[in-house]
PDB file of N, CA and C in Angstrom:
ATOM      1  N   MET A   1      62.418 102.398  86.797  1.00  0.00           N
ATOM      2  CA  MET A   1      62.912 103.338  85.839  1.00  0.00           C
ATOM      3  C   MET A   1      64.216 102.799  85.297  1.00  0.00           C
ATOM      4  N   SER A   2      64.371 102.851  84.014  1.00  0.00           N
ATOM      5  CA  SER A   2      65.605 102.433  83.370  1.00  0.00           C
ATOM      6  C   SER A   2      66.331 103.647  82.812  1.00  0.00           C
ATOM      7  N   CYS A   3      67.627 103.612  82.891  1.00  0.00           N
ATOM      8  CA  CYS A   3      68.470 104.662  82.332  1.00  0.00           C
ATOM      9  C   CYS A   3      69.493 104.018  81.413  1.00  0.00           C
ATOM     10  N   GLU A   4      70.035 104.809  80.517  1.00  0.00           N
ATOM     11  CA  GLU A   4      70.989 104.299  79.538  1.00  0.00           C
ATOM     12  C   GLU A   4      72.369 104.013  80.125  1.00  0.00           C
ATOM     13  N   ASN A   5      72.741 104.747  81.181  1.00  0.00           N
ATOM     14  CA  ASN A   5      74.080 104.566  81.736  1.00  0.00           C
ATOM     15  C   ASN A   5      74.116 105.032  83.188  1.00  0.00           C
ATOM     16  N   ARG A   6      75.239 104.808  83.813  1.00  0.00           N
ATOM     17  CA  ARG A   6      75.433 105.138  85.226  1.00  0.00           C
ATOM     18  C   ARG A   6      75.237 106.632  85.504  1.00  0.00           C
ATOM     19  N   THR A   7      75.711 107.480  84.596  1.00  0.00           N
ATOM     20  CA  THR A   7      75.579 108.929  84.775  1.00  0.00           C
ATOM     21  C   THR A   7      74.113 109.340  84.827  1.00  0.00           C
ATOM     22  N   GLU A   8      73.284 108.773  83.961  1.00  0.00           N
ATOM     23  CA  GLU A   8      71.857 109.089  83.981  1.00  0.00           C
ATOM     24  C   GLU A   8      71.213 108.668  85.300  1.00  0.00           C
ATOM     25  N   VAL A   9      71.628 107.534  85.829  1.00  0.00           N
ATOM     26  CA  VAL A   9      71.103 107.080  87.128  1.00  0.00           C
ATOM     27  C   VAL A   9      71.456 108.095  88.208  1.00  0.00           C
ATOM     28  N   ASP A  10      72.712 108.535  88.228  1.00  0.00           N
ATOM     29  CA  ASP A  10      73.154 109.496  89.235  1.00  0.00           C
ATOM     30  C   ASP A  10      72.427 110.834  89.091  1.00  0.00           C
ATOM     31  N   VAL A  11      72.280 111.318  87.855  1.00  0.00           N
ATOM     32  CA  VAL A  11      71.581 112.591  87.618  1.00  0.00           C
ATOM     33  C   VAL A  11      70.130 112.488  88.075  1.00  0.00           C
ATOM     34  N   PHE A  12      69.467 111.399  87.733  1.00  0.00           N
ATOM     35  CA  PHE A  12      68.077 111.204  88.142  1.00  0.00           C
ATOM     36  C   PHE A  12      67.954 111.181  89.663  1.00  0.00           C
ATOM     37  N   ASN A  13      68.845 110.480  90.326  1.00  0.00           N
ATOM     38  CA  ASN A  13      68.799 110.382  91.779  1.00  0.00           C
ATOM     39  C   ASN A  13      69.044 111.746  92.428  1.00  0.00           C
ATOM     40  N   HIS A  14      70.009 112.507  91.917  1.00  0.00           N
ATOM     41  CA  HIS A  14      70.275 113.844  92.452  1.00  0.00           C
ATOM     42  C   HIS A  14      69.089 114.777  92.212  1.00  0.00           C
ATOM     43  N   PHE A  15      68.474 114.679  91.034  1.00  0.00           N
ATOM     44  CA  PHE A  15      67.308 115.507  90.728  1.00  0.00           C
ATOM     45  C   PHE A  15      66.165 115.203  91.695  1.00  0.00           C
ATOM     46  N   ALA A  16      65.905 113.927  91.936  1.00  0.00           N
ATOM     47  CA  ALA A  16      64.848 113.537  92.867  1.00  0.00           C
ATOM     48  C   ALA A  16      65.129 114.096  94.260  1.00  0.00           C
ATOM     49  N   HIS A  17      66.373 114.031  94.684  1.00  0.00           N
ATOM     50  CA  HIS A  17      66.756 114.572  95.986  1.00  0.00           C
ATOM     51  C   HIS A  17      66.534 116.076  96.031  1.00  0.00           C
ATOM     52  N   ASP A  18      66.913 116.772  94.966  1.00  0.00           N
ATOM     53  CA  ASP A  18      66.751 118.228  94.915  1.00  0.00           C
ATOM     54  C   ASP A  18      65.284 118.638  94.943  1.00  0.00           C
ATOM     55  N   GLN A  19      64.388 117.744  94.513  1.00  0.00           N
ATOM     56  CA  GLN A  19      62.958 118.035  94.502  1.00  0.00           C
ATOM     57  C   GLN A  19      62.276 117.650  95.810  1.00  0.00           C
ATOM     58  N   GLY A  20      63.040 117.163  96.785  1.00  0.00           N
ATOM     59  CA  GLY A  20      62.481 116.850  98.096  1.00  0.00           C
ATOM     60  C   GLY A  20      62.405 115.375  98.422  1.00  0.00           C
ATOM     61  N   GLY A  21      62.808 114.524  97.503  1.00  0.00           N
ATOM     62  CA  GLY A  21      62.835 113.091  97.784  1.00  0.00           C
ATOM     63  C   GLY A  21      64.050 112.745  98.638  1.00  0.00           C
ATOM     64  N   VAL A  22      64.148 111.494  99.015  1.00  0.00           N
ATOM     65  CA  VAL A  22      65.284 111.025  99.808  1.00  0.00           C
ATOM     66  C   VAL A  22      66.126 110.100  98.937  1.00  0.00           C
ATOM     67  N   ALA A  23      67.361 110.500  98.679  1.00  0.00           N
ATOM     68  CA  ALA A  23      68.257 109.710  97.830  1.00  0.00           C
ATOM     69  C   ALA A  23      68.946 108.610  98.626  1.00  0.00           C
ATOM     70  N   ASP A  24      69.201 107.503  97.958  1.00  0.00           N
ATOM     71  CA  ASP A  24      69.971 106.390  98.508  1.00  0.00           C
ATOM     72  C   ASP A  24      69.428 105.886  99.842  1.00  0.00           C
ATOM     73  N   VAL A  25      68.139 105.536  99.845  1.00  0.00           N
ATOM     74  CA  VAL A  25      67.541 104.965 101.057  1.00  0.00           C
ATOM     75  C   VAL A  25      68.079 103.562 101.329  1.00  0.00           C
ATOM     76  N   LEU A  26      68.614 102.926 100.311  1.00  0.00           N
ATOM     77  CA  LEU A  26      69.303 101.647 100.427  1.00  0.00           C
ATOM     78  C   LEU A  26      70.693 101.825  99.840  1.00  0.00           C
ATOM     79  N   PRO A  27      71.648 100.978 100.195  1.00  0.00           N
ATOM     80  CA  PRO A  27      72.995 101.119  99.636  1.00  0.00           C
ATOM     81  C   PRO A  27      73.006 101.017  98.106  1.00  0.00           C
ATOM     82  N   LYS A  28      73.899 101.762  97.472  1.00  0.00           N
ATOM     83  CA  LYS A  28      74.078 101.655  96.021  1.00  0.00           C
ATOM     84  C   LYS A  28      74.527 100.239  95.693  1.00  0.00           C
ATOM     85  N   GLN A  29      74.096  99.735  94.548  1.00  0.00           N
ATOM     86  CA  GLN A  29      74.501  98.402  94.096  1.00  0.00           C
ATOM     87  C   GLN A  29      75.167  98.537  92.735  1.00  0.00           C
ATOM     88  N   ASP A  30      76.397  98.086  92.633  1.00  0.00           N
ATOM     89  CA  ASP A  30      77.121  98.120  91.372  1.00  0.00           C
ATOM     90  C   ASP A  30      77.673  96.727  91.102  1.00  0.00           C
ATOM     91  N   HIS A  31      77.056  96.044  90.154  1.00  0.00           N
ATOM     92  CA  HIS A  31      77.470  94.682  89.810  1.00  0.00           C
ATOM     93  C   HIS A  31      78.199  94.642  88.465  1.00  0.00           C
ATOM     94  N   GLY A  32      78.649  95.798  88.004  1.00  0.00           N
ATOM     95  CA  GLY A  32      79.345  95.870  86.726  1.00  0.00           C
ATOM     96  C   GLY A  32      78.381  95.984  85.557  1.00  0.00           C
ATOM     97  N   PHE A  33      77.520  94.982  85.379  1.00  0.00           N
ATOM     98  CA  PHE A  33      76.564  94.992  84.276  1.00  0.00           C
ATOM     99  C   PHE A  33      75.261  95.697  84.643  1.00  0.00           C
ATOM    100  N   ILE A  34      75.061  95.962  85.947  1.00  0.00           N
ATOM    101  CA  ILE A  34      73.863  96.661  86.406  1.00  0.00           C
ATOM    102  C   ILE A  34      74.239  97.557  87.584  1.00  0.00           C
ATOM    103  N   TYR A  35      73.646  98.737  87.597  1.00  0.00           N
ATOM    104  CA  TYR A  35      73.924  99.733  88.640  1.00  0.00           C
ATOM    105  C   TYR A  35      72.582 100.188  89.183  1.00  0.00           C
ATOM    106  N   ASN A  36      72.427 100.183  90.488  1.00  0.00           N
ATOM    107  CA  ASN A  36      71.139 100.474  91.096  1.00  0.00           C
ATOM    108  C   ASN A  36      71.284 101.451  92.249  1.00  0.00           C
ATOM    109  N   ARG A  37      70.419 102.439  92.252  1.00  0.00           N
ATOM    110  CA  ARG A  37      70.293 103.354  93.387  1.00  0.00           C
ATOM    111  C   ARG A  37      68.811 103.481  93.694  1.00  0.00           C
ATOM    112  N   ASN A  38      68.474 103.634  94.958  1.00  0.00           N
ATOM    113  CA  ASN A  38      67.079 103.731  95.366  1.00  0.00           C
ATOM    114  C   ASN A  38      66.798 105.104  95.940  1.00  0.00           C
ATOM    115  N   LEU A  39      65.561 105.528  95.776  1.00  0.00           N
ATOM    116  CA  LEU A  39      65.148 106.804  96.342  1.00  0.00           C
ATOM    117  C   LEU A  39      63.728 106.670  96.861  1.00  0.00           C
ATOM    118  N   ALA A  40      63.368 107.562  97.750  1.00  0.00           N
ATOM    119  CA  ALA A  40      62.005 107.603  98.272  1.00  0.00           C
ATOM    120  C   ALA A  40      61.338 108.874  97.769  1.00  0.00           C
ATOM    121  N   TYR A  41      60.144 108.709  97.234  1.00  0.00           N
ATOM    122  CA  TYR A  41      59.356 109.857  96.774  1.00  0.00           C
ATOM    123  C   TYR A  41      58.865 110.657  97.959  1.00  0.00           C
ATOM    124  N   LEU A  42      58.287 111.805  97.684  1.00  0.00           N
ATOM    125  CA  LEU A  42      57.791 112.672  98.754  1.00  0.00           C
ATOM    126  C   LEU A  42      56.758 111.980  99.639  1.00  0.00           C
ATOM    127  N   ASP A  43      55.996 111.037  99.060  1.00  0.00           N
ATOM    128  CA  ASP A  43      54.972 110.347  99.847  1.00  0.00           C
ATOM    129  C   ASP A  43      55.529 109.117 100.576  1.00  0.00           C
ATOM    130  N   GLY A  44      56.869 108.902 100.485  1.00  0.00           N
ATOM    131  CA  GLY A  44      57.496 107.821 101.216  1.00  0.00           C
ATOM    132  C   GLY A  44      57.686 106.525 100.449  1.00  0.00           C
ATOM    133  N   HIS A  45      57.114 106.409  99.235  1.00  0.00           N
ATOM    134  CA  HIS A  45      57.288 105.192  98.450  1.00  0.00           C
ATOM    135  C   HIS A  45      58.742 105.079  97.985  1.00  0.00           C
ATOM    136  N   ILE A  46      59.248 103.861  98.025  1.00  0.00           N
ATOM    137  CA  ILE A  46      60.620 103.590  97.582  1.00  0.00           C
ATOM    138  C   ILE A  46      60.571 103.002  96.187  1.00  0.00           C
TER     139      ILE A  46
END
């Protein structure tokens, strides 16, 4: 999934968590030009 900016990534991750997913299953990655957060869906897929 691609987002336009860091805020969209954070909102998406929080929304997924609020729906029962697991947020930040891996450490956040911020390389300046790219920002990455991982989540696990309800069925366990990352």
